N, C-alpha and C. Protein backbone atom coordinates (compact mmCIF):
# COMPACT_ATOMS: atom_id res chain seq x y z
N UNK A 1 -9.93 147.47 173.34
CA UNK A 1 -8.90 146.66 172.48
C UNK A 1 -9.58 147.34 171.10
N UNK A 2 -8.55 148.06 170.53
CA UNK A 2 -8.96 148.67 169.34
C UNK A 2 -8.74 147.52 168.21
N UNK A 3 -9.57 147.87 166.86
CA UNK A 3 -9.71 147.33 165.80
C UNK A 3 -8.50 146.79 164.98
N UNK A 4 -7.48 147.34 165.22
CA UNK A 4 -6.37 146.95 164.71
C UNK A 4 -5.64 145.97 165.33
N UNK A 5 -5.86 145.96 166.98
CA UNK A 5 -5.20 144.92 167.87
C UNK A 5 -6.32 143.53 167.43
N UNK A 6 -7.41 143.74 167.43
CA UNK A 6 -8.06 142.84 167.40
C UNK A 6 -7.78 141.62 166.14
N UNK A 7 -7.80 142.63 164.95
CA UNK A 7 -7.23 141.88 163.60
C UNK A 7 -5.82 141.45 163.90
N UNK A 8 -5.06 142.15 164.39
CA UNK A 8 -3.54 141.42 164.37
C UNK A 8 -3.63 139.97 165.50
N UNK A 9 -4.77 140.07 166.21
CA UNK A 9 -4.86 138.78 167.15
C UNK A 9 -5.50 137.71 166.02
N UNK A 10 -6.51 138.36 165.42
CA UNK A 10 -6.99 136.95 164.60
C UNK A 10 -6.28 136.79 163.66
N UNK A 11 -5.50 137.53 162.79
CA UNK A 11 -4.51 137.43 161.87
C UNK A 11 -3.34 136.30 162.03
N UNK A 12 -2.86 136.96 163.61
CA UNK A 12 -1.62 136.05 164.02
C UNK A 12 -2.36 134.59 164.50
N UNK A 13 -3.34 134.26 164.66
CA UNK A 13 -3.90 132.93 164.87
C UNK A 13 -4.22 131.95 163.89
N UNK A 14 -4.90 132.66 162.77
CA UNK A 14 -4.66 131.95 161.43
C UNK A 14 -3.61 131.56 160.58
N UNK A 15 -2.39 132.32 160.94
CA UNK A 15 -0.95 131.74 160.46
C UNK A 15 -0.43 131.28 161.52
N UNK A 16 -0.69 130.90 162.62
CA UNK A 16 -0.14 130.23 163.42
C UNK A 16 -0.64 128.32 163.47
N UNK A 17 -2.04 128.62 162.42
CA UNK A 17 -2.36 127.26 162.60
C UNK A 17 -3.51 127.08 163.64
N UNK A 18 -3.55 127.88 164.60
CA UNK A 18 -4.52 127.69 165.70
C UNK A 18 -6.01 128.57 165.78
N UNK A 19 -6.47 128.74 164.32
CA UNK A 19 -7.64 129.22 164.16
C UNK A 19 -8.91 128.01 164.11
N UNK A 20 -9.54 128.49 164.23
CA UNK A 20 -11.07 127.88 163.74
C UNK A 20 -10.91 126.56 163.48
N UNK A 21 -11.46 125.79 164.38
CA UNK A 21 -10.97 124.21 164.30
C UNK A 21 -11.86 123.71 163.34
N UNK A 22 -12.09 122.75 162.38
CA UNK A 22 -12.89 122.65 161.54
C UNK A 22 -13.01 123.45 160.09
N UNK A 23 -12.28 124.44 160.46
CA UNK A 23 -11.87 125.22 158.92
C UNK A 23 -11.47 124.40 158.03
N UNK A 24 -11.94 124.46 156.87
CA UNK A 24 -11.10 124.09 155.46
C UNK A 24 -9.64 124.14 155.56
N UNK A 25 -8.62 123.55 154.70
CA UNK A 25 -7.38 123.92 154.74
C UNK A 25 -7.09 123.86 153.38
N UNK A 26 -5.92 124.67 152.60
CA UNK A 26 -5.46 125.05 151.66
C UNK A 26 -4.66 123.95 151.41
N UNK A 27 -4.33 122.82 151.71
CA UNK A 27 -3.35 121.56 151.44
C UNK A 27 -3.81 121.03 149.74
N UNK A 28 -2.91 121.48 149.12
CA UNK A 28 -2.97 121.10 147.69
C UNK A 28 -3.42 119.31 147.53
N UNK A 29 -4.16 118.75 146.55
CA UNK A 29 -4.28 117.64 146.35
C UNK A 29 -3.21 116.76 146.13
N UNK A 30 -2.79 115.62 146.44
CA UNK A 30 -1.97 114.75 145.97
C UNK A 30 -2.14 114.26 144.48
N UNK A 31 -1.38 114.77 143.34
CA UNK A 31 -1.63 114.40 142.27
C UNK A 31 -1.57 112.68 142.07
N UNK A 32 -2.93 111.96 141.23
CA UNK A 32 -3.04 110.99 141.30
C UNK A 32 -1.69 110.02 140.37
N UNK A 33 -1.70 108.81 140.41
CA UNK A 33 -0.83 108.56 139.19
C UNK A 33 -1.54 108.11 137.96
N UNK A 34 -1.04 108.07 137.08
CA UNK A 34 -1.52 107.58 135.63
C UNK A 34 -2.19 106.34 135.95
N UNK A 35 -3.33 106.24 135.16
CA UNK A 35 -3.88 104.92 135.29
C UNK A 35 -3.40 104.09 134.29
N UNK A 36 -3.52 102.96 134.72
CA UNK A 36 -3.03 101.47 134.19
C UNK A 36 -4.36 100.81 133.89
N UNK A 37 -4.28 100.29 132.50
CA UNK A 37 -5.39 99.74 132.00
C UNK A 37 -6.14 98.19 133.09
N UNK A 38 -5.48 97.72 133.75
CA UNK A 38 -6.23 96.94 134.49
C UNK A 38 -7.11 97.48 135.63
N UNK A 39 -6.90 98.90 135.59
CA UNK A 39 -7.95 99.34 136.93
C UNK A 39 -9.27 100.02 135.68
N UNK A 40 -8.99 100.04 134.64
CA UNK A 40 -10.14 100.47 133.75
C UNK A 40 -10.94 99.80 133.18
N UNK A 41 -12.24 100.05 132.87
CA UNK A 41 -13.10 99.35 132.32
C UNK A 41 -14.01 100.52 131.11
N UNK A 42 -14.05 100.10 129.83
CA UNK A 42 -14.86 100.92 128.90
C UNK A 42 -15.83 100.73 128.08
N UNK A 43 -17.06 101.43 127.82
CA UNK A 43 -17.90 100.53 126.89
C UNK A 43 -18.41 101.79 125.80
N UNK A 44 -18.84 101.64 124.99
CA UNK A 44 -19.17 102.60 123.67
C UNK A 44 -20.78 102.46 123.23
N UNK A 45 -21.15 103.99 122.84
CA UNK A 45 -22.69 103.70 122.56
C UNK A 45 -22.87 104.53 121.40
N UNK A 46 -23.30 104.21 120.34
CA UNK A 46 -23.59 105.09 119.21
C UNK A 46 -23.25 104.21 117.75
N UNK A 47 -23.30 104.83 116.92
CA UNK A 47 -22.21 104.27 115.68
C UNK A 47 -21.66 105.00 114.82
N UNK A 48 -22.26 106.05 114.43
CA UNK A 48 -21.38 107.20 113.56
C UNK A 48 -20.55 108.34 114.43
N UNK A 49 -21.67 108.70 115.77
CA UNK A 49 -21.19 109.25 116.83
C UNK A 49 -20.86 108.51 117.65
N UNK A 50 -19.79 108.14 118.31
CA UNK A 50 -19.94 106.85 119.19
C UNK A 50 -18.82 108.00 120.50
N UNK A 51 -19.45 107.66 121.69
CA UNK A 51 -19.30 108.13 123.12
C UNK A 51 -18.70 106.98 123.58
N UNK A 52 -17.22 106.90 124.07
CA UNK A 52 -16.34 105.78 124.97
C UNK A 52 -16.55 106.52 126.24
N UNK A 53 -17.15 105.27 127.00
CA UNK A 53 -17.09 105.99 128.38
C UNK A 53 -15.76 105.08 129.11
N UNK A 54 -14.88 105.35 130.14
CA UNK A 54 -13.83 104.71 130.89
C UNK A 54 -13.99 104.82 132.07
N UNK A 55 -13.96 103.85 132.92
CA UNK A 55 -14.45 103.70 134.17
C UNK A 55 -13.53 103.26 135.47
N UNK A 56 -13.36 104.15 136.07
CA UNK A 56 -12.07 103.35 137.31
C UNK A 56 -12.63 102.46 138.00
N UNK A 57 -12.32 100.84 137.78
CA UNK A 57 -12.91 100.26 138.67
C UNK A 57 -12.03 99.46 139.51
N UNK A 58 -10.79 100.44 139.81
CA UNK A 58 -9.38 99.87 140.78
C UNK A 58 -10.08 100.47 142.09
N UNK A 59 -8.92 100.41 143.07
CA UNK A 59 -9.43 100.92 144.44
C UNK A 59 -8.59 102.17 144.77
N UNK A 60 -7.69 102.49 143.83
CA UNK A 60 -7.07 103.99 143.95
C UNK A 60 -7.76 104.55 143.20
N UNK A 61 -7.82 106.21 143.14
CA UNK A 61 -7.98 107.29 142.17
C UNK A 61 -6.51 107.28 141.13
N UNK A 62 -6.70 107.51 139.93
CA UNK A 62 -5.67 107.56 139.11
C UNK A 62 -6.24 108.86 138.04
N UNK A 63 -5.24 109.50 137.13
CA UNK A 63 -5.17 110.25 136.37
C UNK A 63 -5.18 109.63 134.38
N UNK A 64 -5.78 109.99 133.93
CA UNK A 64 -6.38 109.36 132.70
C UNK A 64 -5.78 110.80 131.77
N UNK A 65 -4.83 110.65 130.43
CA UNK A 65 -4.78 111.92 129.82
C UNK A 65 -4.32 111.60 128.38
N UNK A 66 -5.06 112.27 127.38
CA UNK A 66 -4.64 112.42 125.75
C UNK A 66 -6.03 111.77 125.43
N UNK A 67 -5.53 111.14 124.17
CA UNK A 67 -6.40 110.82 123.22
C UNK A 67 -6.41 109.19 122.91
N UNK A 68 -7.55 108.71 122.54
CA UNK A 68 -7.30 106.99 122.41
C UNK A 68 -6.93 106.79 121.12
N UNK A 69 -6.26 105.62 120.72
CA UNK A 69 -5.93 105.12 119.33
C UNK A 69 -7.28 104.52 119.23
N UNK A 70 -7.37 104.34 117.62
CA UNK A 70 -9.01 103.97 117.27
C UNK A 70 -8.63 102.89 115.84
N UNK A 71 -8.98 101.45 116.15
CA UNK A 71 -8.79 100.80 115.21
C UNK A 71 -10.32 100.32 115.35
N UNK A 72 -10.71 99.38 113.79
CA UNK A 72 -11.74 98.61 113.63
C UNK A 72 -11.53 97.25 113.28
N UNK A 73 -12.44 96.43 114.10
CA UNK A 73 -12.25 95.02 114.20
C UNK A 73 -13.35 94.07 113.94
N UNK A 74 -13.13 93.06 113.89
CA UNK A 74 -14.20 91.99 113.61
C UNK A 74 -14.61 90.98 114.90
N UNK A 75 -15.15 90.24 115.05
CA UNK A 75 -15.22 89.49 116.26
C UNK A 75 -13.98 89.01 117.02
N UNK A 76 -13.40 89.01 116.33
CA UNK A 76 -11.62 88.02 116.84
C UNK A 76 -10.96 88.73 117.79
N UNK A 77 -9.89 88.55 117.75
CA UNK A 77 -8.91 89.20 118.56
C UNK A 77 -8.60 90.71 117.97
N UNK A 78 -8.31 91.67 119.52
CA UNK A 78 -8.19 93.03 119.03
C UNK A 78 -6.94 93.40 118.71
N UNK A 79 -5.99 92.44 118.50
CA UNK A 79 -4.95 92.38 117.48
C UNK A 79 -4.91 92.73 116.13
N UNK A 80 -6.20 91.75 115.83
CA UNK A 80 -6.53 92.07 114.37
C UNK A 80 -7.60 92.85 113.88
N UNK A 81 -6.74 93.82 113.91
CA UNK A 81 -7.48 95.25 113.69
C UNK A 81 -7.40 96.14 112.55
N UNK A 82 -7.89 96.89 112.13
CA UNK A 82 -7.44 97.83 111.18
C UNK A 82 -7.49 99.60 111.73
N UNK A 83 -6.17 100.16 111.77
CA UNK A 83 -6.21 101.07 112.48
C UNK A 83 -6.58 102.17 111.94
N UNK A 84 -6.86 103.09 112.29
CA UNK A 84 -7.81 103.96 111.50
C UNK A 84 -6.70 105.81 111.85
N UNK A 85 -6.86 106.39 111.11
CA UNK A 85 -6.04 107.47 110.96
C UNK A 85 -6.92 108.65 112.56
N UNK A 86 -6.21 108.92 113.40
CA UNK A 86 -6.89 109.50 114.35
C UNK A 86 -6.86 110.85 114.13
N UNK A 87 -7.70 111.65 113.84
CA UNK A 87 -7.31 113.46 114.06
C UNK A 87 -8.32 114.06 115.39
N UNK A 88 -7.04 114.30 115.97
CA UNK A 88 -7.34 115.07 117.40
C UNK A 88 -8.42 116.19 117.15
N UNK A 89 -9.31 116.40 118.11
CA UNK A 89 -9.93 117.75 118.21
C UNK A 89 -9.59 118.16 119.91
N UNK A 90 -9.60 119.44 119.91
CA UNK A 90 -9.50 119.94 121.04
C UNK A 90 -7.78 119.53 121.56
N UNK A 91 -7.89 120.42 122.76
CA UNK A 91 -6.74 120.07 123.61
C UNK A 91 -7.05 118.65 124.80
N UNK A 92 -5.80 118.28 125.50
CA UNK A 92 -5.68 117.40 126.30
C UNK A 92 -5.30 117.73 127.95
N UNK A 93 -5.98 117.82 128.83
CA UNK A 93 -5.31 117.83 130.12
C UNK A 93 -6.22 116.46 131.00
N UNK A 94 -5.09 116.45 132.01
CA UNK A 94 -5.65 115.58 132.76
C UNK A 94 -6.88 115.43 133.59
N UNK A 95 -7.13 114.19 133.39
CA UNK A 95 -8.50 113.52 133.89
C UNK A 95 -8.66 112.89 135.15
N UNK A 96 -8.57 113.79 136.33
CA UNK A 96 -8.53 112.67 137.62
C UNK A 96 -9.65 111.86 138.04
N UNK A 97 -9.48 110.65 137.74
CA UNK A 97 -10.71 109.50 138.03
C UNK A 97 -10.46 108.85 139.44
N UNK A 98 -11.48 109.24 140.06
CA UNK A 98 -12.12 108.68 141.54
C UNK A 98 -12.11 107.18 141.40
N UNK A 99 -12.00 106.45 142.65
CA UNK A 99 -12.76 105.05 142.45
C UNK A 99 -13.97 105.27 141.82
N UNK A 100 -14.42 104.78 141.04
CA UNK A 100 -15.60 104.81 140.48
C UNK A 100 -15.98 105.90 139.10
N UNK A 101 -15.00 106.97 139.17
CA UNK A 101 -15.12 107.89 138.55
C UNK A 101 -15.11 107.80 137.05
N UNK A 102 -15.80 108.63 135.99
CA UNK A 102 -15.72 108.01 134.69
C UNK A 102 -15.13 109.17 133.91
N UNK A 103 -14.76 109.00 132.78
CA UNK A 103 -14.20 109.66 131.69
C UNK A 103 -14.75 109.28 130.27
N UNK A 104 -14.98 110.38 129.60
CA UNK A 104 -15.39 110.19 128.00
C UNK A 104 -14.47 110.87 126.97
N UNK A 105 -14.76 109.90 125.87
CA UNK A 105 -14.50 110.78 124.51
C UNK A 105 -15.02 110.37 123.60
N UNK A 106 -15.05 111.21 122.37
CA UNK A 106 -16.16 111.30 121.21
C UNK A 106 -15.64 110.78 120.19
N UNK A 107 -15.67 109.78 119.47
CA UNK A 107 -15.61 109.37 118.22
C UNK A 107 -16.36 109.81 117.13
N UNK A 108 -16.09 110.32 116.26
CA UNK A 108 -16.88 110.95 114.93
C UNK A 108 -16.35 110.40 113.86
N UNK A 109 -17.13 109.05 113.19
CA UNK A 109 -16.76 109.29 112.12
C UNK A 109 -17.49 109.68 110.81
N UNK A 110 -16.77 109.60 109.51
CA UNK A 110 -17.80 110.17 108.27
C UNK A 110 -18.71 108.93 107.73
N UNK A 111 -19.99 109.61 108.05
CA UNK A 111 -20.83 109.01 107.97
C UNK A 111 -21.34 108.11 106.59
N UNK A 112 -21.65 107.32 106.58
CA UNK A 112 -22.47 106.42 105.33
C UNK A 112 -23.87 107.00 105.09
N UNK A 113 -23.75 107.63 103.59
CA UNK A 113 -25.11 108.04 103.33
C UNK A 113 -25.93 107.27 102.87
N UNK A 114 -27.54 107.40 102.81
CA UNK A 114 -28.42 106.69 102.09
C UNK A 114 -28.73 105.68 102.89
N UNK A 115 -29.46 105.07 102.59
CA UNK A 115 -30.05 103.41 102.83
C UNK A 115 -29.56 102.34 102.67
N UNK A 116 -29.92 101.22 103.28
CA UNK A 116 -29.62 100.07 102.57
C UNK A 116 -28.34 99.92 102.67
N UNK A 117 -28.01 99.62 101.23
CA UNK A 117 -26.27 99.62 101.05
C UNK A 117 -25.54 100.70 101.08
N UNK A 118 -26.18 102.23 101.24
CA UNK A 118 -25.41 103.30 101.28
C UNK A 118 -24.41 103.54 100.46
N UNK A 119 -23.95 104.80 100.65
CA UNK A 119 -22.60 105.14 99.95
C UNK A 119 -21.73 106.37 100.55
N UNK A 120 -20.55 106.53 100.07
CA UNK A 120 -19.81 107.65 100.75
C UNK A 120 -20.03 108.82 99.46
N UNK A 121 -19.92 109.98 100.05
CA UNK A 121 -19.99 111.15 99.20
C UNK A 121 -18.73 111.41 98.63
N UNK A 122 -17.49 110.75 99.24
CA UNK A 122 -16.05 110.97 98.33
C UNK A 122 -16.30 109.87 97.41
N UNK A 123 -16.86 109.13 97.02
CA UNK A 123 -17.20 107.93 96.37
C UNK A 123 -16.21 106.67 96.65
N UNK A 124 -15.63 106.59 97.89
CA UNK A 124 -15.10 105.82 98.75
C UNK A 124 -16.09 104.84 98.69
N UNK A 125 -15.87 103.23 99.01
CA UNK A 125 -16.36 102.48 99.27
C UNK A 125 -16.84 102.40 100.78
N UNK A 126 -18.19 102.20 101.41
CA UNK A 126 -18.64 102.20 102.76
C UNK A 126 -17.98 100.51 103.57
N UNK A 127 -17.18 100.93 104.75
CA UNK A 127 -16.57 99.79 105.37
C UNK A 127 -17.72 99.53 106.66
N UNK A 128 -18.06 98.44 107.16
CA UNK A 128 -18.84 98.08 108.16
C UNK A 128 -18.03 97.22 109.20
N UNK A 129 -17.94 97.31 110.42
CA UNK A 129 -17.14 96.19 111.31
C UNK A 129 -18.33 96.33 112.76
N UNK A 130 -18.07 95.02 113.03
CA UNK A 130 -18.54 94.87 114.23
C UNK A 130 -18.25 95.10 115.61
N UNK A 131 -17.35 95.83 115.59
CA UNK A 131 -16.37 96.12 116.69
C UNK A 131 -15.31 97.02 116.44
N UNK A 132 -15.00 97.98 117.51
CA UNK A 132 -14.06 98.84 117.83
C UNK A 132 -12.71 98.39 118.62
N UNK A 133 -11.53 98.79 118.41
CA UNK A 133 -10.25 98.45 119.35
C UNK A 133 -9.93 99.86 119.84
N UNK A 134 -10.33 100.62 121.09
CA UNK A 134 -9.53 101.53 121.55
C UNK A 134 -8.83 101.50 122.50
N UNK A 135 -7.40 102.10 122.29
CA UNK A 135 -6.11 101.88 122.88
C UNK A 135 -6.42 103.31 123.86
N UNK A 136 -5.88 102.97 125.04
CA UNK A 136 -5.80 103.77 126.30
C UNK A 136 -5.31 103.19 127.57
N UNK A 137 -4.62 104.07 128.37
CA UNK A 137 -3.80 103.48 129.05
C UNK A 137 -3.04 102.21 129.31
N UNK A 138 -2.27 102.30 128.45
CA UNK A 138 -1.46 100.84 127.81
C UNK A 138 -2.06 99.88 127.49
N UNK A 139 -3.32 99.89 127.07
CA UNK A 139 -4.40 98.48 126.59
C UNK A 139 -5.10 99.11 125.34
N UNK A 140 -5.86 97.76 125.13
CA UNK A 140 -6.51 98.01 124.09
C UNK A 140 -7.83 97.00 123.95
N UNK A 141 -9.05 97.89 124.16
CA UNK A 141 -10.01 97.42 124.71
C UNK A 141 -11.02 97.49 123.27
N UNK A 142 -11.60 95.83 123.43
CA UNK A 142 -12.28 95.93 121.77
C UNK A 142 -13.84 95.79 122.56
N UNK A 143 -14.58 96.94 121.75
CA UNK A 143 -16.13 97.19 122.05
C UNK A 143 -16.77 96.90 121.20
N UNK A 144 -18.10 96.08 121.36
CA UNK A 144 -18.87 96.12 120.33
C UNK A 144 -20.01 97.35 120.01
N UNK A 145 -20.46 97.27 119.03
CA UNK A 145 -21.29 98.11 118.77
C UNK A 145 -23.01 98.31 119.00
N UNK A 146 -23.62 98.93 119.45
CA UNK A 146 -24.78 98.92 120.25
C UNK A 146 -25.77 99.06 119.46
N UNK A 147 -25.00 99.33 117.82
CA UNK A 147 -26.46 98.95 116.42
C UNK A 147 -26.09 97.86 116.13
N UNK A 148 -27.19 97.09 116.16
CA UNK A 148 -27.23 95.75 115.31
C UNK A 148 -26.24 95.80 114.09
N UNK A 149 -26.12 96.77 113.47
CA UNK A 149 -25.33 96.96 112.12
C UNK A 149 -24.09 97.04 112.48
N UNK A 150 -23.81 97.49 113.35
CA UNK A 150 -22.06 97.83 113.44
C UNK A 150 -21.63 99.00 113.33
N UNK A 151 -20.50 99.25 112.97
CA UNK A 151 -19.75 100.78 112.75
C UNK A 151 -19.74 100.88 111.26
N UNK A 152 -20.51 101.74 110.52
CA UNK A 152 -20.01 102.01 109.35
C UNK A 152 -19.31 103.45 109.02
N UNK A 153 -18.70 103.45 108.10
CA UNK A 153 -17.86 104.91 107.81
C UNK A 153 -17.25 104.75 106.24
N UNK A 154 -17.14 105.78 106.20
CA UNK A 154 -16.44 106.13 105.06
C UNK A 154 -14.64 106.35 105.31
N UNK A 155 -13.80 105.89 104.35
CA UNK A 155 -12.93 106.42 104.78
C UNK A 155 -12.19 105.65 105.80
N UNK A 156 -10.54 106.26 106.21
CA UNK A 156 -9.88 105.72 107.17
C UNK A 156 -9.53 106.77 108.38
N UNK A 157 -10.76 107.38 108.70
CA UNK A 157 -10.28 108.58 109.57
C UNK A 157 -11.30 108.48 110.49
N UNK A 158 -11.16 108.78 111.59
CA UNK A 158 -11.72 109.22 113.00
C UNK A 158 -11.79 110.49 113.52
N UNK A 159 -12.47 111.41 113.56
CA UNK A 159 -12.10 112.58 114.64
C UNK A 159 -12.40 112.07 116.32
N UNK A 160 -11.34 112.71 116.84
CA UNK A 160 -11.54 112.01 118.65
C UNK A 160 -11.33 113.22 119.27
N UNK A 161 -12.25 113.50 120.65
CA UNK A 161 -11.88 114.40 121.52
C UNK A 161 -10.91 113.69 122.47
N UNK A 162 -10.25 114.45 123.12
CA UNK A 162 -9.40 114.01 124.21
C UNK A 162 -10.45 113.73 125.57
N UNK A 163 -10.05 112.95 126.53
CA UNK A 163 -10.76 112.20 127.48
C UNK A 163 -11.09 113.44 128.61
N UNK A 164 -12.16 113.55 128.62
CA UNK A 164 -12.71 114.62 129.56
C UNK A 164 -13.50 113.88 130.77
N UNK A 165 -13.80 114.91 131.91
CA UNK A 165 -14.80 114.15 132.65
C UNK A 165 -16.21 113.80 132.22
N UNK A 166 -16.90 112.66 132.71
CA UNK A 166 -18.06 112.32 132.25
C UNK A 166 -19.07 113.32 132.57
N UNK A 167 -19.62 113.96 132.09
CA UNK A 167 -21.02 114.69 132.13
C UNK A 167 -20.24 116.40 132.39
N UNK A 168 -19.55 116.46 131.40
CA UNK A 168 -18.64 117.74 131.14
C UNK A 168 -18.63 118.30 129.46
């Protein structure tokens, strides 16, 4: 058998689907539906640079995309909050979350300078809130600060990255 004939037989077997059992296939993954709020949980860490981690606690994969909304709140209802102006940083691609999968977004506030009472370089009065209300996937999740002093910032603007896979 010539080399050309041998290669033609192998190529024919591959094209007809009769090639090597167990070999990986090039079937495209089915896109996951958008995440719904009731299948996600969130947590926050940090104070002037905050990482919000969202976890898929549902029973099926889903896709999270975009930037969260952010507001400051007290200890009460998430609906009673002070919305912040969100400055988006970078692009936003879809993040596929497997069951138990995590995505993160980073929030950066203009920090309060100095110690104790602190001050804002802009001359504005510092603002402190014990919790954030972060909106994503159709819900608003109230998250407490991991810092005993709460979230302290100057102004009413937060820089926010789009959701991305945790660890990237």
